[in-house]
N, C-alpha and C. Protein backbone atom coordinates (compact mmCIF):
# COMPACT_ATOMS: atom_id res chain seq x y z
N MET A 1 0.84 -1.18 0.00
CA MET A 1 0.00 0.00 0.00
C MET A 1 0.88 1.25 0.00
N CYS A 2 0.75 2.07 -1.04
CA CYS A 2 1.53 3.30 -1.12
C CYS A 2 0.61 4.50 -0.92
N PHE A 3 1.05 5.42 -0.11
CA PHE A 3 0.27 6.63 0.15
C PHE A 3 0.81 7.76 -0.72
N SER A 4 0.09 8.87 -0.73
CA SER A 4 0.49 10.01 -1.55
C SER A 4 -0.23 11.24 -1.06
N ALA A 5 0.11 12.39 -1.66
CA ALA A 5 -0.58 13.63 -1.31
C ALA A 5 -2.06 13.50 -1.65
N GLY A 6 -2.34 12.88 -2.81
CA GLY A 6 -3.74 12.71 -3.22
C GLY A 6 -4.52 11.87 -2.24
N ALA A 7 -3.89 10.79 -1.75
CA ALA A 7 -4.56 9.92 -0.79
C ALA A 7 -4.86 10.67 0.51
N SER A 8 -3.89 11.46 0.96
CA SER A 8 -4.08 12.22 2.21
C SER A 8 -5.16 13.28 2.05
N PHE A 9 -5.13 14.00 0.92
CA PHE A 9 -6.13 15.05 0.71
C PHE A 9 -7.53 14.46 0.54
N THR A 10 -7.62 13.35 -0.19
CA THR A 10 -8.94 12.71 -0.38
C THR A 10 -9.48 12.20 0.94
N ALA A 11 -8.64 11.48 1.69
CA ALA A 11 -9.06 10.95 2.99
C ALA A 11 -9.41 12.10 3.92
N GLY A 12 -8.59 13.15 3.91
CA GLY A 12 -8.84 14.29 4.78
C GLY A 12 -10.16 14.97 4.49
N ALA A 13 -10.46 15.15 3.20
CA ALA A 13 -11.71 15.82 2.81
C ALA A 13 -12.93 14.98 3.20
N VAL A 14 -12.88 13.69 2.90
CA VAL A 14 -14.02 12.81 3.19
C VAL A 14 -14.23 12.69 4.70
N ILE A 15 -13.14 12.44 5.43
CA ILE A 15 -13.25 12.26 6.88
C ILE A 15 -13.68 13.55 7.56
N SER A 16 -13.19 14.69 7.07
CA SER A 16 -13.60 15.97 7.65
C SER A 16 -15.09 16.22 7.45
N ALA A 17 -15.59 15.89 6.25
CA ALA A 17 -17.01 16.07 5.97
C ALA A 17 -17.86 15.19 6.89
N ILE A 18 -17.46 13.94 7.04
CA ILE A 18 -18.20 13.04 7.93
C ILE A 18 -18.02 13.49 9.38
N GLY A 19 -16.86 14.07 9.68
CA GLY A 19 -16.64 14.60 11.03
C GLY A 19 -17.62 15.72 11.36
N VAL A 20 -17.86 16.59 10.39
CA VAL A 20 -18.84 17.67 10.59
C VAL A 20 -20.23 17.07 10.81
N ALA A 21 -20.57 16.05 10.01
CA ALA A 21 -21.86 15.39 10.16
C ALA A 21 -21.98 14.72 11.53
N THR A 22 -20.88 14.17 12.02
CA THR A 22 -20.88 13.54 13.34
C THR A 22 -21.20 14.56 14.42
N ILE A 23 -20.55 15.72 14.35
CA ILE A 23 -20.79 16.77 15.33
C ILE A 23 -22.24 17.25 15.29
N MET A 24 -22.80 17.33 14.11
CA MET A 24 -24.17 17.80 13.95
C MET A 24 -25.18 16.81 14.51
N ASN A 25 -24.76 15.55 14.67
CA ASN A 25 -25.67 14.52 15.20
C ASN A 25 -25.52 14.31 16.70
N VAL A 26 -24.70 15.11 17.35
CA VAL A 26 -24.52 14.97 18.79
C VAL A 26 -25.85 15.26 19.50
N ARG A 27 -26.21 14.39 20.42
CA ARG A 27 -27.46 14.52 21.15
C ARG A 27 -27.25 14.85 22.62
N LYS A 28 -26.05 14.64 23.11
CA LYS A 28 -25.76 14.88 24.52
C LYS A 28 -24.49 15.72 24.64
N PRO A 29 -24.46 16.68 25.54
CA PRO A 29 -23.25 17.50 25.72
C PRO A 29 -22.00 16.67 26.00
N SER A 30 -22.17 15.54 26.70
CA SER A 30 -21.03 14.69 27.05
C SER A 30 -20.38 14.05 25.83
N GLN A 31 -21.07 14.05 24.68
CA GLN A 31 -20.55 13.41 23.47
C GLN A 31 -19.70 14.35 22.62
N LYS A 32 -19.70 15.63 22.93
CA LYS A 32 -19.11 16.63 22.04
C LYS A 32 -17.64 16.37 21.73
N LEU A 33 -16.83 16.12 22.77
CA LEU A 33 -15.41 15.90 22.55
C LEU A 33 -15.16 14.63 21.75
N PHE A 34 -15.91 13.58 22.05
CA PHE A 34 -15.76 12.32 21.32
C PHE A 34 -16.17 12.50 19.86
N ALA A 35 -17.22 13.27 19.63
CA ALA A 35 -17.73 13.46 18.28
C ALA A 35 -16.80 14.27 17.39
N VAL A 36 -15.95 15.08 17.98
CA VAL A 36 -15.05 15.93 17.19
C VAL A 36 -13.82 15.15 16.70
N ILE A 37 -13.61 13.92 17.19
CA ILE A 37 -12.43 13.13 16.83
C ILE A 37 -12.30 12.93 15.31
N PRO A 38 -13.35 12.50 14.58
CA PRO A 38 -13.18 12.33 13.13
C PRO A 38 -12.77 13.62 12.42
N LEU A 39 -13.31 14.75 12.84
CA LEU A 39 -12.95 16.02 12.21
C LEU A 39 -11.47 16.34 12.43
N ILE A 40 -10.99 16.10 13.65
CA ILE A 40 -9.57 16.36 13.93
C ILE A 40 -8.70 15.43 13.09
N PHE A 41 -9.10 14.16 12.98
CA PHE A 41 -8.36 13.23 12.14
C PHE A 41 -8.36 13.70 10.68
N GLY A 42 -9.50 14.21 10.22
CA GLY A 42 -9.60 14.70 8.85
C GLY A 42 -8.66 15.85 8.59
N ILE A 43 -8.63 16.80 9.52
CA ILE A 43 -7.72 17.95 9.40
C ILE A 43 -6.28 17.48 9.43
N GLN A 44 -6.00 16.50 10.27
CA GLN A 44 -4.63 15.97 10.36
C GLN A 44 -4.20 15.37 9.02
N GLN A 45 -5.09 14.66 8.36
CA GLN A 45 -4.76 14.08 7.06
C GLN A 45 -4.53 15.16 6.01
N LEU A 46 -5.29 16.23 6.08
CA LEU A 46 -5.09 17.34 5.15
C LEU A 46 -3.71 17.98 5.35
N THR A 47 -3.29 18.10 6.60
CA THR A 47 -1.97 18.67 6.86
C THR A 47 -0.86 17.75 6.35
N GLU A 48 -1.09 16.43 6.45
CA GLU A 48 -0.06 15.53 5.92
C GLU A 48 -0.01 15.61 4.40
N GLY A 49 -1.14 15.93 3.79
CA GLY A 49 -1.13 16.16 2.34
C GLY A 49 -0.20 17.31 2.00
N LEU A 50 -0.20 18.34 2.83
CA LEU A 50 0.71 19.47 2.62
C LEU A 50 2.16 19.06 2.82
N VAL A 51 2.39 18.16 3.78
CA VAL A 51 3.75 17.65 3.99
C VAL A 51 4.23 16.94 2.72
N TRP A 52 3.36 16.12 2.15
CA TRP A 52 3.70 15.42 0.90
C TRP A 52 4.08 16.42 -0.19
N LEU A 53 3.25 17.43 -0.39
CA LEU A 53 3.50 18.40 -1.45
C LEU A 53 4.80 19.15 -1.22
N ALA A 54 5.06 19.53 0.03
CA ALA A 54 6.29 20.27 0.34
C ALA A 54 7.53 19.42 0.10
N LEU A 55 7.44 18.12 0.43
CA LEU A 55 8.58 17.24 0.22
C LEU A 55 8.82 16.96 -1.26
N GLN A 56 7.75 16.94 -2.03
CA GLN A 56 7.87 16.66 -3.47
C GLN A 56 8.22 17.90 -4.27
N ASN A 57 8.08 19.06 -3.66
CA ASN A 57 8.39 20.32 -4.33
C ASN A 57 9.31 21.16 -3.46
N PRO A 58 10.62 20.91 -3.51
CA PRO A 58 11.58 21.63 -2.67
C PRO A 58 11.44 23.15 -2.81
N GLY A 59 11.67 23.82 -1.70
CA GLY A 59 11.54 25.28 -1.73
C GLY A 59 10.39 25.77 -0.89
N HIS A 60 9.61 24.82 -0.33
CA HIS A 60 8.47 25.18 0.51
C HIS A 60 8.74 24.74 1.95
N LEU A 61 9.89 25.15 2.47
CA LEU A 61 10.32 24.69 3.78
C LEU A 61 9.39 25.16 4.89
N THR A 62 8.88 26.38 4.78
CA THR A 62 7.98 26.91 5.82
C THR A 62 6.70 26.09 5.91
N ILE A 63 6.11 25.81 4.74
CA ILE A 63 4.90 24.98 4.70
C ILE A 63 5.19 23.60 5.26
N GLN A 64 6.36 23.07 4.90
CA GLN A 64 6.74 21.74 5.39
C GLN A 64 6.83 21.71 6.90
N LYS A 65 7.48 22.70 7.48
CA LYS A 65 7.66 22.74 8.93
C LYS A 65 6.33 22.90 9.66
N ILE A 66 5.51 23.85 9.19
CA ILE A 66 4.24 24.11 9.86
C ILE A 66 3.33 22.89 9.79
N SER A 67 3.19 22.31 8.60
CA SER A 67 2.30 21.15 8.44
C SER A 67 2.84 19.93 9.19
N THR A 68 4.16 19.77 9.23
CA THR A 68 4.76 18.66 9.97
C THR A 68 4.43 18.76 11.45
N TYR A 69 4.60 19.94 12.01
CA TYR A 69 4.38 20.07 13.45
C TYR A 69 2.89 20.05 13.82
N ILE A 70 2.03 20.52 12.93
CA ILE A 70 0.60 20.38 13.19
C ILE A 70 0.23 18.90 13.24
N PHE A 71 0.73 18.15 12.25
CA PHE A 71 0.45 16.71 12.19
C PHE A 71 0.93 16.01 13.46
N LEU A 72 2.16 16.31 13.89
CA LEU A 72 2.74 15.62 15.04
C LEU A 72 2.14 16.08 16.36
N VAL A 73 1.74 17.33 16.46
CA VAL A 73 1.08 17.79 17.69
C VAL A 73 -0.23 17.04 17.88
N VAL A 74 -0.97 16.87 16.79
CA VAL A 74 -2.21 16.10 16.87
C VAL A 74 -1.93 14.66 17.26
N ALA A 75 -0.95 14.05 16.58
CA ALA A 75 -0.64 12.63 16.81
C ALA A 75 -0.09 12.37 18.20
N ASP A 76 0.86 13.20 18.63
CA ASP A 76 1.60 12.89 19.85
C ASP A 76 1.10 13.62 21.09
N VAL A 77 0.55 14.81 20.91
CA VAL A 77 0.17 15.62 22.06
C VAL A 77 -1.33 15.58 22.35
N LEU A 78 -2.15 15.63 21.31
CA LEU A 78 -3.60 15.67 21.53
C LEU A 78 -4.22 14.31 21.84
N TRP A 79 -3.88 13.29 21.05
CA TRP A 79 -4.58 12.01 21.20
C TRP A 79 -4.44 11.37 22.57
N PRO A 80 -3.28 11.43 23.23
CA PRO A 80 -3.17 10.80 24.56
C PRO A 80 -4.11 11.40 25.61
N VAL A 81 -4.60 12.62 25.37
CA VAL A 81 -5.54 13.20 26.33
C VAL A 81 -6.98 13.21 25.80
N ILE A 82 -7.13 13.34 24.47
CA ILE A 82 -8.48 13.38 23.91
C ILE A 82 -9.19 12.04 24.06
N ILE A 83 -8.48 10.93 23.82
CA ILE A 83 -9.13 9.62 23.90
C ILE A 83 -9.65 9.34 25.32
N PRO A 84 -8.81 9.30 26.34
CA PRO A 84 -9.34 9.02 27.69
C PRO A 84 -10.26 10.15 28.18
N GLY A 85 -9.96 11.39 27.79
CA GLY A 85 -10.79 12.51 28.24
C GLY A 85 -12.20 12.44 27.69
N SER A 86 -12.35 12.13 26.41
CA SER A 86 -13.68 12.06 25.80
C SER A 86 -14.48 10.89 26.36
N LEU A 87 -13.81 9.78 26.65
CA LEU A 87 -14.50 8.62 27.22
C LEU A 87 -14.93 8.90 28.65
N LEU A 88 -14.10 9.62 29.38
CA LEU A 88 -14.44 9.99 30.75
C LEU A 88 -15.70 10.85 30.79
N LEU A 89 -15.82 11.76 29.86
CA LEU A 89 -17.00 12.64 29.83
C LEU A 89 -18.29 11.85 29.58
N MET A 90 -18.20 10.78 28.82
CA MET A 90 -19.40 9.99 28.49
C MET A 90 -19.71 8.89 29.49
N GLU A 91 -18.72 8.52 30.29
CA GLU A 91 -18.88 7.38 31.20
C GLU A 91 -19.79 7.70 32.38
N GLU A 92 -20.70 6.79 32.70
CA GLU A 92 -21.63 6.97 33.82
C GLU A 92 -21.29 6.09 35.01
N ASN A 93 -20.59 4.99 34.78
CA ASN A 93 -20.21 4.09 35.86
C ASN A 93 -19.07 4.71 36.67
N MET A 94 -19.26 4.84 37.98
CA MET A 94 -18.29 5.54 38.82
C MET A 94 -16.94 4.83 38.87
N LYS A 95 -16.93 3.50 38.94
CA LYS A 95 -15.66 2.76 38.98
C LYS A 95 -14.89 2.94 37.69
N LYS A 96 -15.61 2.89 36.58
CA LYS A 96 -14.95 3.09 35.29
C LYS A 96 -14.44 4.52 35.16
N ARG A 97 -15.18 5.47 35.71
CA ARG A 97 -14.74 6.86 35.67
C ARG A 97 -13.42 7.05 36.42
N LYS A 98 -13.28 6.38 37.56
CA LYS A 98 -12.03 6.48 38.32
C LYS A 98 -10.86 5.93 37.51
N ALA A 99 -11.09 4.80 36.85
CA ALA A 99 -10.03 4.21 36.03
C ALA A 99 -9.67 5.12 34.86
N LEU A 100 -10.68 5.71 34.24
CA LEU A 100 -10.43 6.59 33.09
C LEU A 100 -9.71 7.87 33.52
N ARG A 101 -9.96 8.33 34.73
CA ARG A 101 -9.22 9.50 35.24
C ARG A 101 -7.73 9.20 35.33
N ILE A 102 -7.41 7.99 35.76
CA ILE A 102 -6.00 7.59 35.86
C ILE A 102 -5.35 7.61 34.48
N PHE A 103 -6.06 7.09 33.48
CA PHE A 103 -5.52 7.07 32.12
C PHE A 103 -5.42 8.49 31.55
N LEU A 104 -6.35 9.35 31.94
CA LEU A 104 -6.29 10.74 31.48
C LEU A 104 -5.05 11.43 32.04
N ILE A 105 -4.77 11.21 33.31
CA ILE A 105 -3.58 11.79 33.94
C ILE A 105 -2.31 11.24 33.28
N ALA A 106 -2.31 9.92 33.05
CA ALA A 106 -1.16 9.29 32.38
C ALA A 106 -0.99 9.85 30.98
N GLY A 107 -2.10 10.03 30.28
CA GLY A 107 -2.04 10.59 28.93
C GLY A 107 -1.52 12.02 28.93
N ALA A 108 -1.90 12.79 29.94
CA ALA A 108 -1.42 14.18 30.05
C ALA A 108 0.09 14.21 30.25
N VAL A 109 0.60 13.29 31.06
CA VAL A 109 2.04 13.20 31.29
C VAL A 109 2.76 12.87 29.98
N LEU A 110 2.21 11.91 29.23
CA LEU A 110 2.81 11.53 27.95
C LEU A 110 2.75 12.69 26.96
N SER A 111 1.65 13.40 26.93
CA SER A 111 1.51 14.56 26.05
C SER A 111 2.55 15.62 26.37
N LEU A 112 2.78 15.83 27.65
CA LEU A 112 3.78 16.80 28.08
C LEU A 112 5.17 16.37 27.61
N TYR A 113 5.46 15.08 27.74
CA TYR A 113 6.76 14.56 27.29
C TYR A 113 6.94 14.81 25.79
N TYR A 114 5.92 14.48 24.99
CA TYR A 114 6.05 14.67 23.55
C TYR A 114 6.11 16.15 23.19
N ALA A 115 5.39 16.98 23.91
CA ALA A 115 5.44 18.42 23.65
C ALA A 115 6.85 18.96 23.89
N ILE A 116 7.47 18.52 24.97
CA ILE A 116 8.85 18.93 25.27
C ILE A 116 9.80 18.46 24.18
N CYS A 117 9.60 17.23 23.71
CA CYS A 117 10.44 16.68 22.64
C CYS A 117 10.29 17.50 21.36
N LEU A 118 9.05 17.83 21.00
CA LEU A 118 8.81 18.59 19.77
C LEU A 118 9.40 19.99 19.84
N ILE A 119 9.45 20.54 21.04
CA ILE A 119 10.02 21.88 21.22
C ILE A 119 11.54 21.85 21.16
N ASN A 120 12.13 20.80 21.71
CA ASN A 120 13.59 20.77 21.90
C ASN A 120 14.36 19.96 20.86
N PHE A 121 13.66 19.11 20.11
CA PHE A 121 14.37 18.27 19.14
C PHE A 121 13.83 18.49 17.74
N ARG A 122 14.71 18.45 16.78
CA ARG A 122 14.34 18.67 15.39
C ARG A 122 13.65 17.45 14.80
N VAL A 123 12.63 17.68 13.98
CA VAL A 123 11.95 16.61 13.26
C VAL A 123 12.15 16.84 11.77
N THR A 124 12.60 15.81 11.07
CA THR A 124 12.86 15.93 9.63
C THR A 124 12.07 14.88 8.86
N PRO A 125 10.99 15.29 8.21
CA PRO A 125 10.21 14.32 7.45
C PRO A 125 10.87 14.01 6.11
N GLU A 126 10.66 12.80 5.63
CA GLU A 126 11.16 12.41 4.31
C GLU A 126 10.28 11.30 3.76
N ILE A 127 10.25 11.20 2.45
CA ILE A 127 9.47 10.14 1.81
C ILE A 127 10.33 8.88 1.78
N LEU A 128 9.83 7.83 2.41
CA LEU A 128 10.58 6.58 2.53
C LEU A 128 9.64 5.41 2.26
N ASN A 129 9.94 4.64 1.24
CA ASN A 129 9.13 3.46 0.87
C ASN A 129 7.67 3.85 0.63
N CYS A 130 7.47 4.93 -0.10
CA CYS A 130 6.13 5.40 -0.47
C CYS A 130 5.30 5.89 0.71
N HIS A 131 5.96 6.19 1.81
CA HIS A 131 5.29 6.72 2.99
C HIS A 131 6.14 7.84 3.57
N ILE A 132 5.56 8.60 4.49
CA ILE A 132 6.34 9.66 5.12
C ILE A 132 6.94 9.14 6.41
N TYR A 133 8.24 9.34 6.52
CA TYR A 133 8.97 8.97 7.74
C TYR A 133 9.33 10.26 8.48
N TYR A 134 8.88 10.35 9.73
CA TYR A 134 9.17 11.53 10.53
C TYR A 134 10.40 11.25 11.40
N GLY A 135 11.56 11.53 10.84
CA GLY A 135 12.80 11.30 11.58
C GLY A 135 12.98 12.34 12.66
N SER A 136 13.39 11.91 13.84
CA SER A 136 13.56 12.84 14.95
C SER A 136 14.76 12.45 15.80
N ALA A 137 15.17 13.40 16.61
CA ALA A 137 16.29 13.16 17.53
C ALA A 137 15.77 13.01 18.96
N PHE A 138 14.54 12.53 19.09
CA PHE A 138 13.98 12.30 20.42
C PHE A 138 14.90 11.35 21.20
N ILE A 139 14.81 11.39 22.52
CA ILE A 139 15.66 10.54 23.36
C ILE A 139 15.48 9.07 22.96
N GLN A 140 16.54 8.48 22.40
CA GLN A 140 16.45 7.13 21.84
C GLN A 140 16.03 6.08 22.87
N ALA A 141 16.56 6.19 24.08
CA ALA A 141 16.26 5.19 25.12
C ALA A 141 14.79 5.19 25.52
N LEU A 142 14.09 6.30 25.25
CA LEU A 142 12.69 6.41 25.67
C LEU A 142 11.71 6.22 24.51
N MET A 143 12.19 6.06 23.31
CA MET A 143 11.29 6.00 22.16
C MET A 143 10.36 4.79 22.21
N ILE A 144 10.90 3.61 22.46
CA ILE A 144 10.05 2.41 22.52
C ILE A 144 9.15 2.43 23.75
N PRO A 145 9.67 2.73 24.96
CA PRO A 145 8.78 2.82 26.13
C PRO A 145 7.67 3.85 25.93
N ALA A 146 8.00 4.99 25.31
CA ALA A 146 6.98 6.02 25.07
C ALA A 146 5.93 5.52 24.09
N PHE A 147 6.38 4.80 23.06
CA PHE A 147 5.45 4.24 22.07
C PHE A 147 4.49 3.25 22.73
N LEU A 148 5.03 2.35 23.56
CA LEU A 148 4.20 1.37 24.24
C LEU A 148 3.23 2.05 25.22
N PHE A 149 3.73 3.05 25.93
CA PHE A 149 2.89 3.80 26.86
C PHE A 149 1.76 4.52 26.11
N TYR A 150 2.08 5.00 24.92
CA TYR A 150 1.09 5.66 24.05
C TYR A 150 -0.05 4.70 23.73
N GLN A 151 0.30 3.46 23.38
CA GLN A 151 -0.73 2.47 23.05
C GLN A 151 -1.60 2.17 24.27
N VAL A 152 -0.98 2.13 25.43
CA VAL A 152 -1.73 1.86 26.67
C VAL A 152 -2.77 2.94 26.93
N VAL A 153 -2.36 4.21 26.87
CA VAL A 153 -3.27 5.29 27.25
C VAL A 153 -4.31 5.61 26.17
N THR A 154 -4.07 5.16 24.93
CA THR A 154 -5.05 5.43 23.88
C THR A 154 -5.93 4.23 23.53
N LEU A 155 -5.49 3.02 23.87
CA LEU A 155 -6.27 1.83 23.52
C LEU A 155 -7.05 1.25 24.70
N ILE A 156 -6.40 1.07 25.83
CA ILE A 156 -7.05 0.43 26.97
C ILE A 156 -8.32 1.17 27.41
N PRO A 157 -8.35 2.51 27.43
CA PRO A 157 -9.59 3.20 27.81
C PRO A 157 -10.79 2.80 26.96
N LEU A 158 -10.55 2.44 25.69
CA LEU A 158 -11.65 2.03 24.82
C LEU A 158 -12.27 0.71 25.30
N PHE A 159 -11.46 -0.14 25.92
CA PHE A 159 -11.97 -1.41 26.43
C PHE A 159 -12.54 -1.27 27.84
N ILE A 160 -12.14 -0.23 28.55
CA ILE A 160 -12.69 0.03 29.87
C ILE A 160 -14.07 0.67 29.78
N SER A 161 -14.24 1.52 28.81
CA SER A 161 -15.49 2.29 28.67
C SER A 161 -16.73 1.39 28.62
N GLY A 162 -17.78 1.86 29.26
CA GLY A 162 -19.04 1.13 29.24
C GLY A 162 -19.96 1.60 28.13
N VAL A 163 -19.51 2.53 27.30
CA VAL A 163 -20.32 3.03 26.19
C VAL A 163 -20.46 1.95 25.13
N LYS A 164 -21.67 1.74 24.66
CA LYS A 164 -21.95 0.69 23.68
C LYS A 164 -21.13 0.88 22.41
N GLY A 165 -20.49 -0.18 21.97
CA GLY A 165 -19.72 -0.16 20.73
C GLY A 165 -18.28 0.25 20.88
N MET A 166 -17.90 0.73 22.07
CA MET A 166 -16.55 1.24 22.26
C MET A 166 -15.50 0.14 22.18
N ARG A 167 -15.84 -1.06 22.63
CA ARG A 167 -14.86 -2.15 22.57
C ARG A 167 -14.57 -2.57 21.14
N TRP A 168 -15.59 -2.49 20.28
CA TRP A 168 -15.36 -2.80 18.87
C TRP A 168 -14.42 -1.76 18.25
N LEU A 169 -14.60 -0.51 18.63
CA LEU A 169 -13.71 0.54 18.16
C LEU A 169 -12.29 0.28 18.65
N GLY A 170 -12.18 -0.13 19.91
CA GLY A 170 -10.87 -0.45 20.47
C GLY A 170 -10.21 -1.60 19.74
N LEU A 171 -11.00 -2.62 19.39
CA LEU A 171 -10.45 -3.78 18.69
C LEU A 171 -9.93 -3.37 17.31
N LEU A 172 -10.68 -2.54 16.61
CA LEU A 172 -10.26 -2.07 15.29
C LEU A 172 -8.97 -1.26 15.39
N MET A 173 -8.90 -0.40 16.39
CA MET A 173 -7.70 0.41 16.59
C MET A 173 -6.50 -0.47 16.92
N PHE A 174 -6.72 -1.48 17.75
CA PHE A 174 -5.64 -2.40 18.12
C PHE A 174 -5.12 -3.16 16.90
N LEU A 175 -6.04 -3.65 16.07
CA LEU A 175 -5.64 -4.36 14.86
C LEU A 175 -4.86 -3.45 13.92
N ALA A 176 -5.26 -2.17 13.87
CA ALA A 176 -4.55 -1.21 13.03
C ALA A 176 -3.11 -1.02 13.52
N VAL A 177 -2.95 -0.99 14.84
CA VAL A 177 -1.60 -0.87 15.40
C VAL A 177 -0.76 -2.08 15.05
N VAL A 178 -1.33 -3.28 15.20
CA VAL A 178 -0.60 -4.52 14.91
C VAL A 178 -0.17 -4.56 13.45
N VAL A 179 -1.09 -4.25 12.55
CA VAL A 179 -0.77 -4.25 11.11
C VAL A 179 0.31 -3.22 10.80
N THR A 180 0.19 -2.05 11.40
CA THR A 180 1.17 -0.99 11.14
C THR A 180 2.56 -1.38 11.62
N VAL A 181 2.63 -1.94 12.82
CA VAL A 181 3.93 -2.32 13.38
C VAL A 181 4.57 -3.46 12.57
N ILE A 182 3.75 -4.40 12.10
CA ILE A 182 4.29 -5.55 11.36
C ILE A 182 4.75 -5.15 9.96
N PHE A 183 3.95 -4.35 9.27
CA PHE A 183 4.22 -4.06 7.86
C PHE A 183 4.82 -2.68 7.58
N TYR A 184 4.65 -1.75 8.53
CA TYR A 184 5.12 -0.38 8.27
C TYR A 184 5.89 0.18 9.46
N ILE A 185 6.78 -0.60 10.02
CA ILE A 185 7.47 -0.23 11.24
C ILE A 185 8.26 1.08 11.09
N LYS A 186 8.78 1.36 9.90
CA LYS A 186 9.56 2.57 9.68
C LYS A 186 8.67 3.81 9.56
N ASN A 187 7.39 3.59 9.34
CA ASN A 187 6.48 4.72 9.10
C ASN A 187 5.26 4.65 10.02
N VAL A 188 5.48 4.22 11.25
CA VAL A 188 4.37 3.97 12.18
C VAL A 188 3.48 5.19 12.36
N THR A 189 4.06 6.35 12.61
CA THR A 189 3.26 7.54 12.90
C THR A 189 2.33 7.89 11.77
N SER A 190 2.86 7.94 10.56
CA SER A 190 2.05 8.33 9.40
C SER A 190 0.98 7.30 9.07
N VAL A 191 1.39 6.03 8.98
CA VAL A 191 0.45 4.98 8.56
C VAL A 191 -0.62 4.73 9.62
N TRP A 192 -0.22 4.68 10.91
CA TRP A 192 -1.22 4.43 11.94
C TRP A 192 -2.25 5.55 11.98
N CYS A 193 -1.82 6.79 11.83
CA CYS A 193 -2.77 7.91 11.85
C CYS A 193 -3.75 7.81 10.68
N PHE A 194 -3.26 7.32 9.53
CA PHE A 194 -4.15 7.15 8.39
C PHE A 194 -5.20 6.08 8.68
N PHE A 195 -4.75 4.93 9.18
CA PHE A 195 -5.69 3.86 9.52
C PHE A 195 -6.68 4.32 10.60
N ALA A 196 -6.16 4.99 11.62
CA ALA A 196 -7.01 5.44 12.71
C ALA A 196 -8.03 6.46 12.22
N ALA A 197 -7.62 7.30 11.28
CA ALA A 197 -8.54 8.29 10.72
C ALA A 197 -9.72 7.61 10.02
N VAL A 198 -9.40 6.58 9.24
CA VAL A 198 -10.46 5.84 8.54
C VAL A 198 -11.37 5.13 9.55
N ILE A 199 -10.75 4.49 10.54
CA ILE A 199 -11.53 3.77 11.56
C ILE A 199 -12.41 4.73 12.36
N SER A 200 -11.96 5.97 12.53
CA SER A 200 -12.72 6.93 13.33
C SER A 200 -14.10 7.22 12.74
N LEU A 201 -14.30 6.83 11.47
CA LEU A 201 -15.61 7.03 10.86
C LEU A 201 -16.68 6.20 11.57
N VAL A 202 -16.24 5.17 12.30
CA VAL A 202 -17.17 4.37 13.10
C VAL A 202 -17.85 5.25 14.14
N ILE A 203 -17.18 6.29 14.56
CA ILE A 203 -17.73 7.19 15.57
C ILE A 203 -19.03 7.83 15.08
N TYR A 204 -19.09 8.13 13.78
CA TYR A 204 -20.32 8.70 13.23
C TYR A 204 -21.49 7.75 13.46
N ARG A 205 -21.26 6.48 13.20
CA ARG A 205 -22.32 5.48 13.38
C ARG A 205 -22.71 5.37 14.86
N MET A 206 -21.71 5.43 15.75
CA MET A 206 -21.99 5.32 17.18
C MET A 206 -22.82 6.50 17.67
N ILE A 207 -22.45 7.70 17.23
CA ILE A 207 -23.20 8.90 17.64
C ILE A 207 -24.58 8.90 17.01
N ARG A 208 -24.65 8.50 15.76
CA ARG A 208 -25.91 8.49 15.02
C ARG A 208 -26.92 7.53 15.64
N ARG A 209 -26.45 6.38 16.13
CA ARG A 209 -27.35 5.34 16.65
C ARG A 209 -27.66 5.53 18.13
N ASP A 210 -26.93 6.42 18.79
CA ASP A 210 -27.18 6.62 20.22
C ASP A 210 -28.55 7.25 20.42
N PRO A 211 -29.38 6.69 21.32
CA PRO A 211 -30.72 7.24 21.54
C PRO A 211 -30.69 8.65 22.13
N ARG A 212 -31.69 9.43 21.76
CA ARG A 212 -31.78 10.79 22.31
C ARG A 212 -32.07 10.73 23.80
N PRO A 213 -31.52 11.67 24.56
CA PRO A 213 -31.78 11.68 26.01
C PRO A 213 -33.25 11.97 26.30
N SER A 214 -33.79 11.32 27.31
CA SER A 214 -35.20 11.51 27.63
C SER A 214 -35.39 12.86 28.33
């Protein structure tokens, strides 16, 4: 599977449109943050389309830098807090809420770590094997532990949540991670975000089918 600027722009446009539709179908205030996830993923894909264009057309370094950091801020800084945070807002079971609070705090710590890394270390994107590789000088000894911790704070909350359909979403996300690590290990960030963006369209169905509050 080879990606391209066209693939990112097409995916971004479609997912953003469905993301807007998802937000418009929100029936409960507690669903708002969860419902905005597809739109954020859509915007993220559009920014990676700009990264593709900048890399294929040298001389657009400013566009490359801005789009690269927008993409990575969403991937590394926002998701570790948005996932557990949005589930916490929707959760009604008190025991599950306590567990989700722990994951939210853990996610905030991870987000802070990645934010510090993005501020202090250079990131250099390049096209590698038909995908974008975001090369960085992040602390090498912490890269794998941080990656594993990322999966914990973004996946496990989906299985803890008592919201109907959330475990299926978690299973799809987990399978996407497994496929990405096995087949696209050099391009994990780019490819996983693409898969996750497509999978996030399930959120529209979840919001759409949720009964209106009495």
